[in-house]
């Protein structure tokens, strides 16, 4: 096994992991791409404009897309200022308001900014997103998903089901406040991620499996008294380790078979 070490600032860590993800994606099947798409979507950044101080609302105007670029909302909707933060596996705050502070029912569309082309459309009822329809051909071709349906319990977002253009089920995702589980159309668990607090620090864990049931990758990342600690291990379909990447006290260590 070859081993490479180097010292890096943690500010570069996310960039390096993204590069690793691109390399791994080259040998994944379509089902693996489907696994990655919702994860990226769930981690998409929300960008806020100036807050409406009078009614305590925070506008949600821009969102990043998993195919790149930022998309602007029309109309611009708002969340309550005290609800502006949300758990790491909770994609968005479900209660959306108009600029008058009234709970919104209707549709909002996200458009690319230059040129202005529709990306996706959210169907919203009583402030809750019930359906997302993708309008961008590249988005649909990238992950085979044409639309997604959402289910709620006690006002909380708990499931997301994705369908292709022929209304065939692509995958199902189940959420709690600190975890997410992805299932294939036949009910097989394809990925699982969760967070936990250790000594006041948040740790994140993620696992994904091949269609044959063998582990495809596992990620563990968090901080301890020594600093940032992370490990990313990828496997081939026979269960053999292909690559290990670790960050130990700021030291990047890569091992390849």
Protein backbone atom coordinates (compact mmCIF):
# COMPACT_ATOMS: atom_id res chain seq x y z
CA UNK A 1 0.00 0.00 0.00
CA UNK A 2 1.33 3.42 -0.97
CA UNK A 3 1.13 6.18 1.60
CA UNK A 4 1.39 9.90 1.03
CA UNK A 5 1.42 12.56 3.73
CA UNK A 6 1.30 16.31 3.69
CA UNK A 7 0.37 19.10 6.08
CA UNK A 8 -2.64 21.20 5.16
CA UNK A 9 -4.89 23.83 6.65
CA UNK A 10 -8.37 22.49 7.32
CA UNK A 11 -9.79 25.23 5.10
CA UNK A 12 -8.66 23.10 2.16
CA UNK A 13 -10.25 19.91 3.43
CA UNK A 14 -13.67 20.39 1.84
CA UNK A 15 -12.08 21.14 -1.52
CA UNK A 16 -9.97 17.98 -1.35
CA UNK A 17 -12.97 15.83 -0.44
CA UNK A 18 -14.93 17.29 -3.35
CA UNK A 19 -12.07 16.35 -5.68
CA UNK A 20 -12.06 12.83 -4.24
CA UNK A 21 -15.78 12.60 -4.84
CA UNK A 22 -15.28 13.43 -8.51
CA UNK A 23 -12.72 10.65 -8.86
CA UNK A 24 -14.93 8.09 -7.16
CA UNK A 25 -17.97 9.05 -9.22
CA UNK A 26 -16.22 7.92 -12.40
CA UNK A 27 -16.68 4.25 -11.51
CA UNK A 28 -20.07 4.44 -9.83
CA UNK A 29 -23.22 3.16 -11.44
CA UNK A 30 -26.31 5.28 -11.98
CA UNK A 31 -27.65 4.06 -8.66
CA UNK A 32 -24.64 5.57 -6.90
CA UNK A 33 -25.17 8.89 -8.67
CA UNK A 34 -28.74 8.81 -7.45
CA UNK A 35 -27.42 8.34 -3.90
CA UNK A 36 -25.14 11.35 -4.20
CA UNK A 37 -27.68 13.75 -5.71
CA UNK A 38 -30.01 14.07 -2.70
CA UNK A 39 -27.08 14.33 -0.36
CA UNK A 40 -25.75 17.27 -2.33
CA UNK A 41 -29.18 18.78 -2.57
CA UNK A 42 -29.70 18.44 1.20
CA UNK A 43 -26.38 20.16 1.77
CA UNK A 44 -27.14 22.97 -0.70
CA UNK A 45 -26.53 26.37 0.83
CA UNK A 46 -29.31 28.81 1.59
CA UNK A 47 -28.35 32.44 1.06
CA UNK A 48 -30.33 35.22 2.76
CA UNK A 49 -30.90 38.83 1.76
CA UNK A 50 -31.53 41.63 4.27
CA UNK A 51 -33.82 40.60 7.09
CA UNK A 52 -37.27 42.14 7.47
CA UNK A 53 -36.88 43.48 10.99
CA UNK A 54 -40.50 44.55 11.34
CA UNK A 55 -42.00 41.06 11.24
CA UNK A 56 -38.95 38.95 12.11
CA UNK A 57 -38.69 37.26 8.70
CA UNK A 58 -35.57 36.04 6.91
CA UNK A 59 -35.84 35.90 3.10
CA UNK A 60 -34.61 32.84 1.19
CA UNK A 61 -33.56 34.17 -2.20
CA UNK A 62 -30.71 32.08 -3.64
CA UNK A 63 -29.89 28.39 -3.60
CA UNK A 64 -26.95 26.53 -5.06
CA UNK A 65 -27.65 23.71 -7.51
CA UNK A 66 -26.04 20.27 -7.54
CA UNK A 67 -25.12 20.85 -11.22
CA UNK A 68 -23.46 24.16 -10.35
CA UNK A 69 -24.46 27.79 -10.17
CA UNK A 70 -26.93 29.74 -8.08
CA UNK A 71 -30.66 29.94 -8.70
CA UNK A 72 -32.93 32.79 -7.65
CA UNK A 73 -36.40 32.31 -6.21
CA UNK A 74 -39.53 33.88 -7.70
CA UNK A 75 -41.35 34.82 -5.60
CA UNK A 76 -38.96 35.32 -2.71
CA UNK A 77 -40.32 33.55 0.37
CA UNK A 78 -39.42 33.92 4.02
CA UNK A 79 -38.85 31.89 7.16
CA UNK A 80 -39.30 33.06 10.72
CA UNK A 81 -36.08 34.57 12.02
CA UNK A 82 -36.00 32.30 15.07
CA UNK A 83 -36.29 29.28 12.73
CA UNK A 84 -33.39 30.29 10.49
CA UNK A 85 -31.21 27.45 11.78
CA UNK A 86 -32.03 23.81 11.20
CA UNK A 87 -30.50 20.39 12.00
CA UNK A 88 -27.72 19.18 9.65
CA UNK A 89 -29.89 16.49 8.04
CA UNK A 90 -32.95 18.71 7.78
CA UNK A 91 -32.91 20.22 4.26
CA UNK A 92 -35.07 23.27 4.88
CA UNK A 93 -37.43 24.86 7.34
CA UNK A 94 -40.89 23.74 6.17
CA UNK A 95 -42.93 26.82 7.07
CA UNK A 96 -42.61 29.46 4.34
CA UNK A 97 -44.19 32.92 4.41
CA UNK A 98 -44.78 35.75 1.96
CA UNK A 99 -43.34 39.21 2.55
CA UNK A 100 -46.38 40.20 4.62
CA UNK A 101 -45.63 37.37 7.04
CA UNK A 102 -48.59 35.25 5.93
CA UNK A 103 -48.12 31.49 5.52
CA UNK A 104 -47.65 30.87 1.80
CA UNK A 105 -49.62 28.56 -0.51
CA UNK A 106 -48.72 28.37 -4.18
CA UNK A 107 -45.63 27.77 -6.31
CA UNK A 108 -42.14 29.21 -6.36
CA UNK A 109 -39.64 28.71 -9.18
CA UNK A 110 -35.86 28.91 -9.00
CA UNK A 111 -34.23 30.43 -12.09
CA UNK A 112 -30.60 30.53 -13.14
CA UNK A 113 -29.36 34.11 -13.12
CA UNK A 114 -27.51 34.39 -16.45
CA UNK A 115 -29.14 33.42 -18.69
CA UNK A 116 -32.48 33.24 -16.87
CA UNK A 117 -33.72 29.66 -17.26
CA UNK A 118 -36.03 27.70 -14.93
CA UNK A 119 -34.30 25.13 -12.73
CA UNK A 120 -37.01 23.67 -10.51
CA UNK A 121 -40.42 24.47 -9.10
CA UNK A 122 -41.65 23.93 -5.54
CA UNK A 123 -45.33 23.26 -4.84
CA UNK A 124 -46.20 24.69 -1.43
CA UNK A 125 -49.32 24.25 0.69
CA UNK A 126 -49.83 26.01 4.02
CA UNK A 127 -46.15 26.95 4.07
CA UNK A 128 -44.94 23.37 3.49
CA UNK A 129 -43.22 22.10 0.34
CA UNK A 130 -45.16 19.07 -0.89
CA UNK A 131 -43.55 18.55 -4.30
CA UNK A 132 -40.51 19.63 -6.33
CA UNK A 133 -40.59 19.41 -10.13
CA UNK A 134 -37.32 19.72 -12.05
CA UNK A 135 -37.57 21.90 -15.14
CA UNK A 136 -33.93 21.80 -16.21
CA UNK A 137 -33.14 18.98 -18.65
CA UNK A 138 -29.54 18.71 -17.43
CA UNK A 139 -30.71 18.25 -13.85
CA UNK A 140 -33.10 15.48 -14.86
CA UNK A 141 -30.47 13.71 -16.98
CA UNK A 142 -27.86 14.06 -14.23
CA UNK A 143 -29.72 12.04 -11.59
CA UNK A 144 -32.76 10.65 -13.48
CA UNK A 145 -35.12 12.42 -11.06
CA UNK A 146 -38.01 14.35 -12.64
CA UNK A 147 -39.88 15.18 -9.45
CA UNK A 148 -39.91 14.56 -5.70
CA UNK A 149 -42.71 14.21 -3.17
CA UNK A 150 -42.39 15.05 0.54
CA UNK A 151 -44.19 13.72 3.58
CA UNK A 152 -44.56 15.37 6.98
CA UNK A 153 -45.47 14.23 10.46
CA UNK A 154 -46.37 16.71 13.20
CA UNK A 155 -45.12 19.49 10.95
CA UNK A 156 -41.74 17.82 10.38
CA UNK A 157 -40.25 16.73 7.09
CA UNK A 158 -39.73 12.94 7.36
CA UNK A 159 -39.60 11.36 3.87
CA UNK A 160 -38.71 12.23 0.30
CA UNK A 161 -39.55 9.99 -2.66
CA UNK A 162 -38.01 10.58 -6.08
CA UNK A 163 -39.49 9.56 -9.44
CA UNK A 164 -38.31 9.58 -13.04
CA UNK A 165 -40.13 10.97 -16.08
CA UNK A 166 -42.13 7.72 -16.36
CA UNK A 167 -43.37 7.98 -12.75
CA UNK A 168 -41.13 5.07 -11.72
CA UNK A 169 -39.78 5.20 -8.16
CA UNK A 170 -36.07 6.02 -8.08
CA UNK A 171 -35.39 6.15 -4.35
CA UNK A 172 -36.83 6.94 -0.94
CA UNK A 173 -35.12 8.98 1.77
CA UNK A 174 -36.13 8.98 5.43
CA UNK A 175 -35.08 11.82 7.74
CA UNK A 176 -34.85 12.43 11.45
CA UNK A 177 -33.33 15.47 13.12
CA UNK A 178 -29.86 13.92 13.04
CA UNK A 179 -29.92 11.14 10.42
CA UNK A 180 -30.83 10.23 6.87
CA UNK A 181 -31.43 6.83 5.25
CA UNK A 182 -31.57 6.25 1.49
CA UNK A 183 -33.41 3.25 0.04
CA UNK A 184 -33.49 1.83 -3.48
CA UNK A 185 -36.83 1.10 -5.24
CA UNK A 186 -36.74 -2.49 -3.93
CA UNK A 187 -36.27 -1.29 -0.34
CA UNK A 188 -32.53 -1.95 -0.01
CA UNK A 189 -30.63 0.49 2.20
CA UNK A 190 -28.11 2.26 -0.05
CA UNK A 191 -26.70 4.86 2.35
CA UNK A 192 -26.98 5.95 5.95
CA UNK A 193 -25.66 9.06 7.64
CA UNK A 194 -26.01 10.53 11.10
CA UNK A 195 -24.48 13.06 13.48
CA UNK A 196 -23.75 12.92 17.18
CA UNK A 197 -22.18 15.17 19.78
CA UNK A 198 -18.94 14.05 21.45
CA UNK A 199 -17.49 16.23 24.19
CA UNK A 200 -19.38 19.20 22.81
CA UNK A 201 -18.23 18.65 19.21
CA UNK A 202 -20.35 17.47 16.31
CA UNK A 203 -19.24 14.28 14.54
CA UNK A 204 -20.64 13.15 11.20
CA UNK A 205 -20.77 9.56 9.92
CA UNK A 206 -21.76 8.31 6.47
CA UNK A 207 -21.86 4.87 4.86
CA UNK A 208 -22.93 3.76 1.37
CA UNK A 209 -23.35 0.30 -0.13
CA UNK A 210 -23.12 -1.25 -3.58
CA UNK A 211 -26.20 -2.95 -5.06
CA UNK A 212 -24.62 -6.31 -4.10
CA UNK A 213 -24.69 -5.25 -0.44
CA UNK A 214 -20.95 -4.70 -0.02
CA UNK A 215 -19.75 -1.50 1.60
CA UNK A 216 -18.80 1.14 -0.97
CA UNK A 217 -17.50 3.92 1.26
CA UNK A 218 -17.53 5.20 4.82
CA UNK A 219 -16.77 8.65 6.18
CA UNK A 220 -16.16 9.80 9.74
CA UNK A 221 -15.39 13.42 10.54
CA UNK A 222 -15.29 15.58 13.65
CA UNK A 223 -13.10 17.36 16.15
CA UNK A 224 -11.45 16.31 19.38
CA UNK A 225 -8.97 17.93 21.75
CA UNK A 226 -6.24 17.58 19.11
CA UNK A 227 -8.19 19.24 16.31
CA UNK A 228 -9.94 18.05 13.18
CA UNK A 229 -10.05 14.29 12.59
CA UNK A 230 -11.48 12.75 9.41
CA UNK A 231 -11.31 9.49 7.51
CA UNK A 232 -12.69 8.52 4.11
CA UNK A 233 -12.42 4.88 3.02
CA UNK A 234 -13.57 3.64 -0.38
CA UNK A 235 -13.99 -0.02 -1.38
CA UNK A 236 -14.37 -1.93 -4.63
CA UNK A 237 -17.43 -4.07 -5.27
CA UNK A 238 -15.68 -7.13 -3.82
CA UNK A 239 -15.14 -5.40 -0.48
CA UNK A 240 -11.43 -4.63 -0.88
CA UNK A 241 -10.12 -1.26 0.27
CA UNK A 242 -9.22 0.94 -2.68
CA UNK A 243 -8.24 4.16 -0.95
CA UNK A 244 -8.02 5.63 2.52
CA UNK A 245 -7.75 9.33 3.19
CA UNK A 246 -7.28 10.60 6.73
CA UNK A 247 -6.84 13.96 8.36
CA UNK A 248 -5.06 13.60 11.68
CA UNK A 249 -4.33 16.83 13.54
CA UNK A 250 -4.12 18.74 10.26
CA UNK A 251 -2.01 16.07 8.54
CA UNK A 252 -3.44 14.73 5.28
CA UNK A 253 -2.60 11.05 4.76
CA UNK A 254 -3.57 9.16 1.62
CA UNK A 255 -3.13 5.43 1.13
CA UNK A 256 -3.87 3.58 -2.09
CA UNK A 257 -3.72 -0.11 -2.90
